[in-house]
PDB file of N, CA and C in Angstrom:
ATOM      1  N   MET A   1     134.756  77.493  99.012  1.00  0.00           N
ATOM      2  CA  MET A   1     134.809  78.934  99.145  1.00  0.00           C
ATOM      3  C   MET A   1     133.767  79.621  98.237  1.00  0.00           C
ATOM      4  N   VAL A   2     133.714  79.218  96.969  1.00  0.00           N
ATOM      5  CA  VAL A   2     132.743  79.799  96.040  1.00  0.00           C
ATOM      6  C   VAL A   2     131.325  79.476  96.506  1.00  0.00           C
ATOM      7  N   GLU A   3     131.125  78.222  96.942  1.00  0.00           N
ATOM      8  CA  GLU A   3     129.818  77.777  97.436  1.00  0.00           C
ATOM      9  C   GLU A   3     129.328  78.702  98.544  1.00  0.00           C
ATOM     10  N   LYS A   4     130.197  79.022  99.474  1.00  0.00           N
ATOM     11  CA  LYS A   4     129.829  79.871 100.608  1.00  0.00           C
ATOM     12  C   LYS A   4     129.646  81.322 100.179  1.00  0.00           C
ATOM     13  N   SER A   5     130.520  81.799  99.286  1.00  0.00           N
ATOM     14  CA  SER A   5     130.448  83.194  98.835  1.00  0.00           C
ATOM     15  C   SER A   5     129.121  83.523  98.168  1.00  0.00           C
ATOM     16  N   PHE A   6     128.615  82.591  97.389  1.00  0.00           N
ATOM     17  CA  PHE A   6     127.362  82.823  96.680  1.00  0.00           C
ATOM     18  C   PHE A   6     126.164  82.172  97.374  1.00  0.00           C
ATOM     19  N   ASN A   7     126.384  81.678  98.582  1.00  0.00           N
ATOM     20  CA  ASN A   7     125.326  81.068  99.395  1.00  0.00           C
ATOM     21  C   ASN A   7     124.542  80.045  98.569  1.00  0.00           C
ATOM     22  N   MET A   8     125.290  79.149  97.934  1.00  0.00           N
ATOM     23  CA  MET A   8     124.695  78.176  97.024  1.00  0.00           C
ATOM     24  C   MET A   8     123.673  77.270  97.714  1.00  0.00           C
ATOM     25  N   GLY A   9     123.890  76.953  98.983  1.00  0.00           N
ATOM     26  CA  GLY A   9     122.935  76.123  99.705  1.00  0.00           C
ATOM     27  C   GLY A   9     121.581  76.799  99.826  1.00  0.00           C
ATOM     28  N   ALA A  10     121.586  78.082 100.165  1.00  0.00           N
ATOM     29  CA  ALA A  10     120.334  78.838 100.288  1.00  0.00           C
ATOM     30  C   ALA A  10     119.662  78.991  98.926  1.00  0.00           C
ATOM     31  N   ARG A  11     120.459  79.216  97.885  1.00  0.00           N
ATOM     32  CA  ARG A  11     119.897  79.336  96.535  1.00  0.00           C
ATOM     33  C   ARG A  11     119.209  78.038  96.121  1.00  0.00           C
ATOM     34  N   LYS A  12     119.861  76.907  96.408  1.00  0.00           N
ATOM     35  CA  LYS A  12     119.297  75.604  96.065  1.00  0.00           C
ATOM     36  C   LYS A  12     117.989  75.374  96.825  1.00  0.00           C
ATOM     37  N   GLU A  13     117.970  75.733  98.104  1.00  0.00           N
ATOM     38  CA  GLU A  13     116.756  75.563  98.910  1.00  0.00           C
ATOM     39  C   GLU A  13     115.631  76.464  98.408  1.00  0.00           C
ATOM     40  N   LEU A  14     115.945  77.713  98.064  1.00  0.00           N
ATOM     41  CA  LEU A  14     114.929  78.623  97.528  1.00  0.00           C
ATOM     42  C   LEU A  14     114.362  78.086  96.225  1.00  0.00           C
ATOM     43  N   ASN A  15     115.215  77.582  95.343  1.00  0.00           N
ATOM     44  CA  ASN A  15     114.738  76.999  94.084  1.00  0.00           C
ATOM     45  C   ASN A  15     113.792  75.837  94.346  1.00  0.00           C
ATOM     46  N   ALA A  16     114.110  75.007  95.340  1.00  0.00           N
ATOM     47  CA  ALA A  16     113.249  73.866  95.673  1.00  0.00           C
ATOM     48  C   ALA A  16     111.897  74.342  96.199  1.00  0.00           C
ATOM     49  N   ILE A  17     111.903  75.370  97.029  1.00  0.00           N
ATOM     50  CA  ILE A  17     110.646  75.904  97.576  1.00  0.00           C
ATOM     51  C   ILE A  17     109.786  76.505  96.467  1.00  0.00           C
ATOM     52  N   ILE A  18     110.418  77.230  95.553  1.00  0.00           N
ATOM     53  CA  ILE A  18     109.671  77.823  94.431  1.00  0.00           C
ATOM     54  C   ILE A  18     109.077  76.717  93.562  1.00  0.00           C
ATOM     55  N   ALA A  19     109.849  75.663  93.293  1.00  0.00           N
ATOM     56  CA  ALA A  19     109.331  74.540  92.500  1.00  0.00           C
ATOM     57  C   ALA A  19     108.141  73.900  93.206  1.00  0.00           C
ATOM     58  N   ARG A  20     108.230  73.726  94.534  1.00  0.00           N
ATOM     59  CA  ARG A  20     107.115  73.149  95.294  1.00  0.00           C
ATOM     60  C   ARG A  20     105.880  74.030  95.196  1.00  0.00           C
ATOM     61  N   MET A  21     106.086  75.349  95.198  1.00  0.00           N
ATOM     62  CA  MET A  21     104.966  76.283  95.077  1.00  0.00           C
ATOM     63  C   MET A  21     104.228  76.028  93.759  1.00  0.00           C
ATOM     64  N   PHE A  22     104.961  75.897  92.671  1.00  0.00           N
ATOM     65  CA  PHE A  22     104.353  75.626  91.368  1.00  0.00           C
ATOM     66  C   PHE A  22     103.648  74.276  91.373  1.00  0.00           C
ATOM     67  N   HIS A  23     104.359  73.237  91.825  1.00  0.00           N
ATOM     68  CA  HIS A  23     103.830  71.873  91.737  1.00  0.00           C
ATOM     69  C   HIS A  23     102.641  71.646  92.661  1.00  0.00           C
ATOM     70  N   SER A  24     102.713  72.143  93.886  1.00  0.00           N
ATOM     71  CA  SER A  24     101.640  71.871  94.850  1.00  0.00           C
ATOM     72  C   SER A  24     100.372  72.674  94.573  1.00  0.00           C
ATOM     73  N   SER A  25     100.491  73.790  93.850  1.00  0.00           N
ATOM     74  CA  SER A  25      99.329  74.636  93.567  1.00  0.00           C
ATOM     75  C   SER A  25      98.782  74.452  92.169  1.00  0.00           C
ATOM     76  N   GLY A  26      99.472  73.668  91.371  1.00  0.00           N
ATOM     77  CA  GLY A  26      99.037  73.496  89.987  1.00  0.00           C
ATOM     78  C   GLY A  26      99.202  74.758  89.166  1.00  0.00           C
ATOM     79  N   LEU A  27     100.172  75.601  89.552  1.00  0.00           N
ATOM     80  CA  LEU A  27     100.411  76.819  88.788  1.00  0.00           C
ATOM     81  C   LEU A  27     100.953  76.471  87.408  1.00  0.00           C
ATOM     82  N   SER A  28     100.519  77.191  86.418  1.00  0.00           N
ATOM     83  CA  SER A  28     101.054  77.012  85.077  1.00  0.00           C
ATOM     84  C   SER A  28     102.528  77.406  85.093  1.00  0.00           C
ATOM     85  N   PHE A  29     103.353  76.624  84.408  1.00  0.00           N
ATOM     86  CA  PHE A  29     104.774  76.970  84.340  1.00  0.00           C
ATOM     87  C   PHE A  29     104.977  78.288  83.597  1.00  0.00           C
ATOM     88  N   ASN A  30     103.991  78.699  82.801  1.00  0.00           N
ATOM     89  CA  ASN A  30     104.070  79.996  82.130  1.00  0.00           C
ATOM     90  C   ASN A  30     104.101  81.152  83.126  1.00  0.00           C
ATOM     91  N   PHE A  31     103.624  80.893  84.337  1.00  0.00           N
ATOM     92  CA  PHE A  31     103.662  81.930  85.373  1.00  0.00           C
ATOM     93  C   PHE A  31     105.094  82.413  85.603  1.00  0.00           C
ATOM     94  N   ALA A  32     106.075  81.528  85.395  1.00  0.00           N
ATOM     95  CA  ALA A  32     107.477  81.904  85.581  1.00  0.00           C
ATOM     96  C   ALA A  32     107.918  82.948  84.555  1.00  0.00           C
ATOM     97  N   ARG A  33     107.154  83.118  83.480  1.00  0.00           N
ATOM     98  CA  ARG A  33     107.463  84.153  82.478  1.00  0.00           C
ATOM     99  C   ARG A  33     106.875  85.514  82.850  1.00  0.00           C
ATOM    100  N   ASN A  34     105.994  85.545  83.827  1.00  0.00           N
ATOM    101  CA  ASN A  34     105.365  86.793  84.251  1.00  0.00           C
ATOM    102  C   ASN A  34     106.424  87.709  84.844  1.00  0.00           C
ATOM    103  N   PRO A  35     106.576  88.916  84.317  1.00  0.00           N
ATOM    104  CA  PRO A  35     107.627  89.794  84.832  1.00  0.00           C
ATOM    105  C   PRO A  35     107.434  90.157  86.312  1.00  0.00           C
ATOM    106  N   TYR A  36     106.204  90.134  86.786  1.00  0.00           N
ATOM    107  CA  TYR A  36     105.966  90.452  88.191  1.00  0.00           C
ATOM    108  C   TYR A  36     106.420  89.332  89.116  1.00  0.00           C
ATOM    109  N   TYR A  37     106.461  88.112  88.613  1.00  0.00           N
ATOM    110  CA  TYR A  37     106.985  86.974  89.376  1.00  0.00           C
ATOM    111  C   TYR A  37     108.454  87.230  89.707  1.00  0.00           C
ATOM    112  N   ALA A  38     109.252  87.513  88.686  1.00  0.00           N
ATOM    113  CA  ALA A  38     110.673  87.789  88.894  1.00  0.00           C
ATOM    114  C   ALA A  38     110.862  89.068  89.708  1.00  0.00           C
ATOM    115  N   MET A  39     110.051  90.079  89.426  1.00  0.00           N
ATOM    116  CA  MET A  39     110.163  91.357  90.127  1.00  0.00           C
ATOM    117  C   MET A  39     109.927  91.182  91.630  1.00  0.00           C
ATOM    118  N   ALA A  40     108.949  90.361  92.003  1.00  0.00           N
ATOM    119  CA  ALA A  40     108.633  90.152  93.413  1.00  0.00           C
ATOM    120  C   ALA A  40     109.805  89.511  94.152  1.00  0.00           C
ATOM    121  N   PHE A  41     110.379  88.456  93.562  1.00  0.00           N
ATOM    122  CA  PHE A  41     111.503  87.789  94.217  1.00  0.00           C
ATOM    123  C   PHE A  41     112.742  88.674  94.253  1.00  0.00           C
ATOM    124  N   THR A  42     112.981  89.418  93.187  1.00  0.00           N
ATOM    125  CA  THR A  42     114.127  90.328  93.153  1.00  0.00           C
ATOM    126  C   THR A  42     113.973  91.413  94.209  1.00  0.00           C
ATOM    127  N   TYR A  43     112.783  91.969  94.303  1.00  0.00           N
ATOM    128  CA  TYR A  43     112.531  93.011  95.303  1.00  0.00           C
ATOM    129  C   TYR A  43     112.741  92.464  96.713  1.00  0.00           C
ATOM    130  N   ALA A  44     112.194  91.274  96.968  1.00  0.00           N
ATOM    131  CA  ALA A  44     112.325  90.665  98.298  1.00  0.00           C
ATOM    132  C   ALA A  44     113.788  90.393  98.631  1.00  0.00           C
ATOM    133  N   ALA A  45     114.561  89.941  97.650  1.00  0.00           N
ATOM    134  CA  ALA A  45     115.974  89.638  97.891  1.00  0.00           C
ATOM    135  C   ALA A  45     116.799  90.902  98.146  1.00  0.00           C
ATOM    136  N   ASN A  46     116.427  91.996  97.498  1.00  0.00           N
ATOM    137  CA  ASN A  46     117.202  93.232  97.617  1.00  0.00           C
ATOM    138  C   ASN A  46     116.714  94.177  98.705  1.00  0.00           C
ATOM    139  N   ASN A  47     115.536  93.900  99.263  1.00  0.00           N
ATOM    140  CA  ASN A  47     114.958  94.770 100.289  1.00  0.00           C
ATOM    141  C   ASN A  47     114.426  93.927 101.441  1.00  0.00           C
ATOM    142  N   PRO A  48     115.325  93.326 102.212  1.00  0.00           N
ATOM    143  CA  PRO A  48     114.838  92.467 103.296  1.00  0.00           C
ATOM    144  C   PRO A  48     113.920  93.234 104.251  1.00  0.00           C
ATOM    145  N   ILE A  49     112.747  92.677 104.453  1.00  0.00           N
ATOM    146  CA  ILE A  49     111.769  93.291 105.342  1.00  0.00           C
ATOM    147  C   ILE A  49     111.556  92.323 106.493  1.00  0.00           C
ATOM    148  N   SER A  50     112.136  92.648 107.616  1.00  0.00           N
ATOM    149  CA  SER A  50     112.084  91.767 108.777  1.00  0.00           C
ATOM    150  C   SER A  50     110.648  91.462 109.175  1.00  0.00           C
ATOM    151  N   GLY A  51     110.344  90.174 109.340  1.00  0.00           N
ATOM    152  CA  GLY A  51     109.028  89.765 109.794  1.00  0.00           C
ATOM    153  C   GLY A  51     107.946  89.764 108.735  1.00  0.00           C
ATOM    154  N   TYR A  52     108.303  90.018 107.476  1.00  0.00           N
ATOM    155  CA  TYR A  52     107.295  90.057 106.409  1.00  0.00           C
ATOM    156  C   TYR A  52     106.648  88.690 106.244  1.00  0.00           C
ATOM    157  N   ILE A  53     105.334  88.678 106.125  1.00  0.00           N
ATOM    158  CA  ILE A  53     104.568  87.454 105.884  1.00  0.00           C
ATOM    159  C   ILE A  53     103.769  87.693 104.610  1.00  0.00           C
ATOM    160  N   PRO A  54     103.826  86.753 103.644  1.00  0.00           N
ATOM    161  CA  PRO A  54     103.061  86.939 102.400  1.00  0.00           C
ATOM    162  C   PRO A  54     101.570  87.138 102.678  1.00  0.00           C
ATOM    163  N   HIS A  55     100.898  87.746 101.729  1.00  0.00           N
ATOM    164  CA  HIS A  55      99.485  88.089 101.858  1.00  0.00           C
ATOM    165  C   HIS A  55      98.594  86.881 102.084  1.00  0.00           C
ATOM    166  N   SER A  56      97.537  87.122 102.828  1.00  0.00           N
ATOM    167  CA  SER A  56      96.477  86.122 102.947  1.00  0.00           C
ATOM    168  C   SER A  56      95.604  86.233 101.701  1.00  0.00           C
ATOM    169  N   ILE A  57      94.807  85.222 101.446  1.00  0.00           N
ATOM    170  CA  ILE A  57      93.923  85.248 100.280  1.00  0.00           C
ATOM    171  C   ILE A  57      92.922  86.401 100.387  1.00  0.00           C
ATOM    172  N   GLN A  58      92.474  86.721 101.603  1.00  0.00           N
ATOM    173  CA  GLN A  58      91.503  87.811 101.779  1.00  0.00           C
ATOM    174  C   GLN A  58      92.109  89.156 101.367  1.00  0.00           C
ATOM    175  N   LEU A  59      93.381  89.364 101.686  1.00  0.00           N
ATOM    176  CA  LEU A  59      94.038  90.624 101.335  1.00  0.00           C
ATOM    177  C   LEU A  59      94.229  90.730  99.824  1.00  0.00           C
ATOM    178  N   VAL A  60      94.603  89.615  99.190  1.00  0.00           N
ATOM    179  CA  VAL A  60      94.814  89.616  97.745  1.00  0.00           C
ATOM    180  C   VAL A  60      93.491  89.786  97.007  1.00  0.00           C
ATOM    181  N   GLU A  61      92.422  89.143  97.510  1.00  0.00           N
ATOM    182  CA  GLU A  61      91.131  89.174  96.821  1.00  0.00           C
ATOM    183  C   GLU A  61      90.424  90.518  96.920  1.00  0.00           C
ATOM    184  N   ASP A  62      90.615  91.239  98.014  1.00  0.00           N
ATOM    185  CA  ASP A  62      89.819  92.456  98.165  1.00  0.00           C
ATOM    186  C   ASP A  62      90.648  93.736  98.110  1.00  0.00           C
ATOM    187  N   PRO A  63      91.302  94.153  99.188  1.00  0.00           N
ATOM    188  CA  PRO A  63      91.936  95.477  99.128  1.00  0.00           C
ATOM    189  C   PRO A  63      93.054  95.575  98.095  1.00  0.00           C
ATOM    190  N   LEU A  64      93.860  94.541  97.928  1.00  0.00           N
ATOM    191  CA  LEU A  64      94.934  94.625  96.935  1.00  0.00           C
ATOM    192  C   LEU A  64      94.390  94.601  95.520  1.00  0.00           C
ATOM    193  N   LEU A  65      93.299  93.880  95.299  1.00  0.00           N
ATOM    194  CA  LEU A  65      92.650  93.886  93.989  1.00  0.00           C
ATOM    195  C   LEU A  65      92.090  95.274  93.689  1.00  0.00           C
ATOM    196  N   GLN A  66      91.471  95.901  94.678  1.00  0.00           N
ATOM    197  CA  GLN A  66      90.937  97.255  94.494  1.00  0.00           C
ATOM    198  C   GLN A  66      92.067  98.257  94.224  1.00  0.00           C
ATOM    199  N   ASN A  67      93.195  98.091  94.932  1.00  0.00           N
ATOM    200  CA  ASN A  67      94.352  98.969  94.690  1.00  0.00           C
ATOM    201  C   ASN A  67      94.856  98.818  93.262  1.00  0.00           C
ATOM    202  N   GLU A  68      94.930  97.577  92.778  1.00  0.00           N
ATOM    203  CA  GLU A  68      95.411  97.341  91.412  1.00  0.00           C
ATOM    204  C   GLU A  68      94.421  97.872  90.389  1.00  0.00           C
ATOM    205  N   LYS A  69      93.129  97.751  90.659  1.00  0.00           N
ATOM    206  CA  LYS A  69      92.117  98.312  89.758  1.00  0.00           C
ATOM    207  C   LYS A  69      92.304  99.824  89.643  1.00  0.00           C
ATOM    208  N   ALA A  70      92.523 100.486  90.776  1.00  0.00           N
ATOM    209  CA  ALA A  70      92.753 101.934  90.770  1.00  0.00           C
ATOM    210  C   ALA A  70      94.029 102.270  90.004  1.00  0.00           C
ATOM    211  N   ASN A  71      95.056 101.453  90.149  1.00  0.00           N
ATOM    212  CA  ASN A  71      96.308 101.674  89.435  1.00  0.00           C
ATOM    213  C   ASN A  71      96.092 101.566  87.927  1.00  0.00           C
ATOM    214  N   ILE A  72      95.339 100.555  87.497  1.00  0.00           N
ATOM    215  CA  ILE A  72      95.060 100.377  86.068  1.00  0.00           C
ATOM    216  C   ILE A  72      94.223 101.538  85.544  1.00  0.00           C
ATOM    217  N   GLU A  73      93.239 101.975  86.310  1.00  0.00           N
ATOM    218  CA  GLU A  73      92.428 103.133  85.909  1.00  0.00           C
ATOM    219  C   GLU A  73      93.308 104.374  85.746  1.00  0.00           C
ATOM    220  N   ARG A  74      94.259 104.561  86.646  1.00  0.00           N
ATOM    221  CA  ARG A  74      95.185 105.704  86.568  1.00  0.00           C
ATOM    222  C   ARG A  74      96.036 105.622  85.302  1.00  0.00           C
ATOM    223  N   ILE A  75      96.528 104.418  84.982  1.00  0.00           N
ATOM    224  CA  ILE A  75      97.347 104.224  83.788  1.00  0.00           C
ATOM    225  C   ILE A  75      96.528 104.459  82.520  1.00  0.00           C
ATOM    226  N   LEU A  76      95.252 104.069  82.530  1.00  0.00           N
ATOM    227  CA  LEU A  76      94.394 104.210  81.352  1.00  0.00           C
ATOM    228  C   LEU A  76      93.858 105.624  81.150  1.00  0.00           C
ATOM    229  N   GLU A  77      93.920 106.462  82.157  1.00  0.00           N
ATOM    230  CA  GLU A  77      93.315 107.793  82.082  1.00  0.00           C
ATOM    231  C   GLU A  77      93.788 108.603  80.865  1.00  0.00           C
ATOM    232  N   PRO A  78      95.104 108.645  80.560  1.00  0.00           N
ATOM    233  CA  PRO A  78      95.514 109.412  79.366  1.00  0.00           C
ATOM    234  C   PRO A  78      94.909 108.864  78.073  1.00  0.00           C
ATOM    235  N   ILE A  79      94.733 107.567  77.994  1.00  0.00           N
ATOM    236  CA  ILE A  79      94.127 106.965  76.802  1.00  0.00           C
ATOM    237  C   ILE A  79      92.640 107.292  76.754  1.00  0.00           C
ATOM    238  N   LYS A  80      91.959 107.144  77.889  1.00  0.00           N
ATOM    239  CA  LYS A  80      90.524 107.419  77.939  1.00  0.00           C
ATOM    240  C   LYS A  80      90.215 108.882  77.615  1.00  0.00           C
ATOM    241  N   SER A  81      91.122 109.768  77.963  1.00  0.00           N
ATOM    242  CA  SER A  81      90.866 111.191  77.719  1.00  0.00           C
ATOM    243  C   SER A  81      90.836 111.515  76.227  1.00  0.00           C
ATOM    244  N   THR A  82      91.352 110.638  75.384  1.00  0.00           N
ATOM    245  CA  THR A  82      91.326 110.880  73.930  1.00  0.00           C
ATOM    246  C   THR A  82      90.081 110.322  73.267  1.00  0.00           C
ATOM    247  N   TRP A  83      89.279 109.560  73.979  1.00  0.00           N
ATOM    248  CA  TRP A  83      88.136 108.890  73.382  1.00  0.00           C
ATOM    249  C   TRP A  83      87.117 109.868  72.797  1.00  0.00           C
ATOM    250  N   ARG A  84      86.861 110.972  73.475  1.00  0.00           N
ATOM    251  CA  ARG A  84      85.878 111.941  72.952  1.00  0.00           C
ATOM    252  C   ARG A  84      86.355 112.538  71.633  1.00  0.00           C
ATOM    253  N   LEU A  85      87.643 112.746  71.529  1.00  0.00           N
ATOM    254  CA  LEU A  85      88.221 113.350  70.317  1.00  0.00           C
ATOM    255  C   LEU A  85      88.377 112.335  69.197  1.00  0.00           C
ATOM    256  N   LYS A  86      88.899 111.150  69.521  1.00  0.00           N
ATOM    257  CA  LYS A  86      89.238 110.159  68.505  1.00  0.00           C
ATOM    258  C   LYS A  86      88.224 109.030  68.373  1.00  0.00           C
ATOM    259  N   GLY A  87      87.363 108.871  69.364  1.00  0.00           N
ATOM    260  CA  GLY A  87      86.407 107.762  69.365  1.00  0.00           C
ATOM    261  C   GLY A  87      87.036 106.531  69.991  1.00  0.00           C
ATOM    262  N   VAL A  88      86.193 105.527  70.185  1.00  0.00           N
ATOM    263  CA  VAL A  88      86.647 104.275  70.797  1.00  0.00           C
ATOM    264  C   VAL A  88      85.820 103.128  70.240  1.00  0.00           C
ATOM    265  N   SER A  89      86.455 101.991  70.068  1.00  0.00           N
ATOM    266  CA  SER A  89      85.759 100.770  69.637  1.00  0.00           C
ATOM    267  C   SER A  89      86.061  99.679  70.643  1.00  0.00           C
ATOM    268  N   LEU A  90      85.038  98.957  71.053  1.00  0.00           N
ATOM    269  CA  LEU A  90      85.216  97.831  71.959  1.00  0.00           C
ATOM    270  C   LEU A  90      84.945  96.558  71.179  1.00  0.00           C
ATOM    271  N   CYS A  91      85.833  95.577  71.309  1.00  0.00           N
ATOM    272  CA  CYS A  91      85.674  94.298  70.627  1.00  0.00           C
ATOM    273  C   CYS A  91      85.803  93.173  71.635  1.00  0.00           C
ATOM    274  N   SER A  92      85.132  92.088  71.370  1.00  0.00           N
ATOM    275  CA  SER A  92      85.222  90.924  72.240  1.00  0.00           C
ATOM    276  C   SER A  92      85.196  89.677  71.375  1.00  0.00           C
ATOM    277  N   ASP A  93      85.887  88.649  71.814  1.00  0.00           N
ATOM    278  CA  ASP A  93      85.871  87.418  71.045  1.00  0.00           C
ATOM    279  C   ASP A  93      84.856  86.419  71.571  1.00  0.00           C
ATOM    280  N   GLU A  94      84.105  86.800  72.607  1.00  0.00           N
ATOM    281  CA  GLU A  94      83.047  85.923  73.137  1.00  0.00           C
ATOM    282  C   GLU A  94      81.856  86.730  73.551  1.00  0.00           C
TER     283      GLU A  94
END
């Protein structure tokens, strides 16, 4: 009864698929600490989108990368607006 209530079979299968994703792609296990990793699976589990297919590499490499760049620029704008007043220093380790 508990097994069925919590859909333990599906949970076990999902865990196996996620492990295969890490192992077959050589992903660093540290990727599992990325908050967006957990956020993506949580969102997918709580918002079923019928017929959804994960992104192709072309979509991730170009338009989604450009969207994320714009998002980061938007987040940085309040900080950048203080540079004229407070100054800015850029440092690099290489």
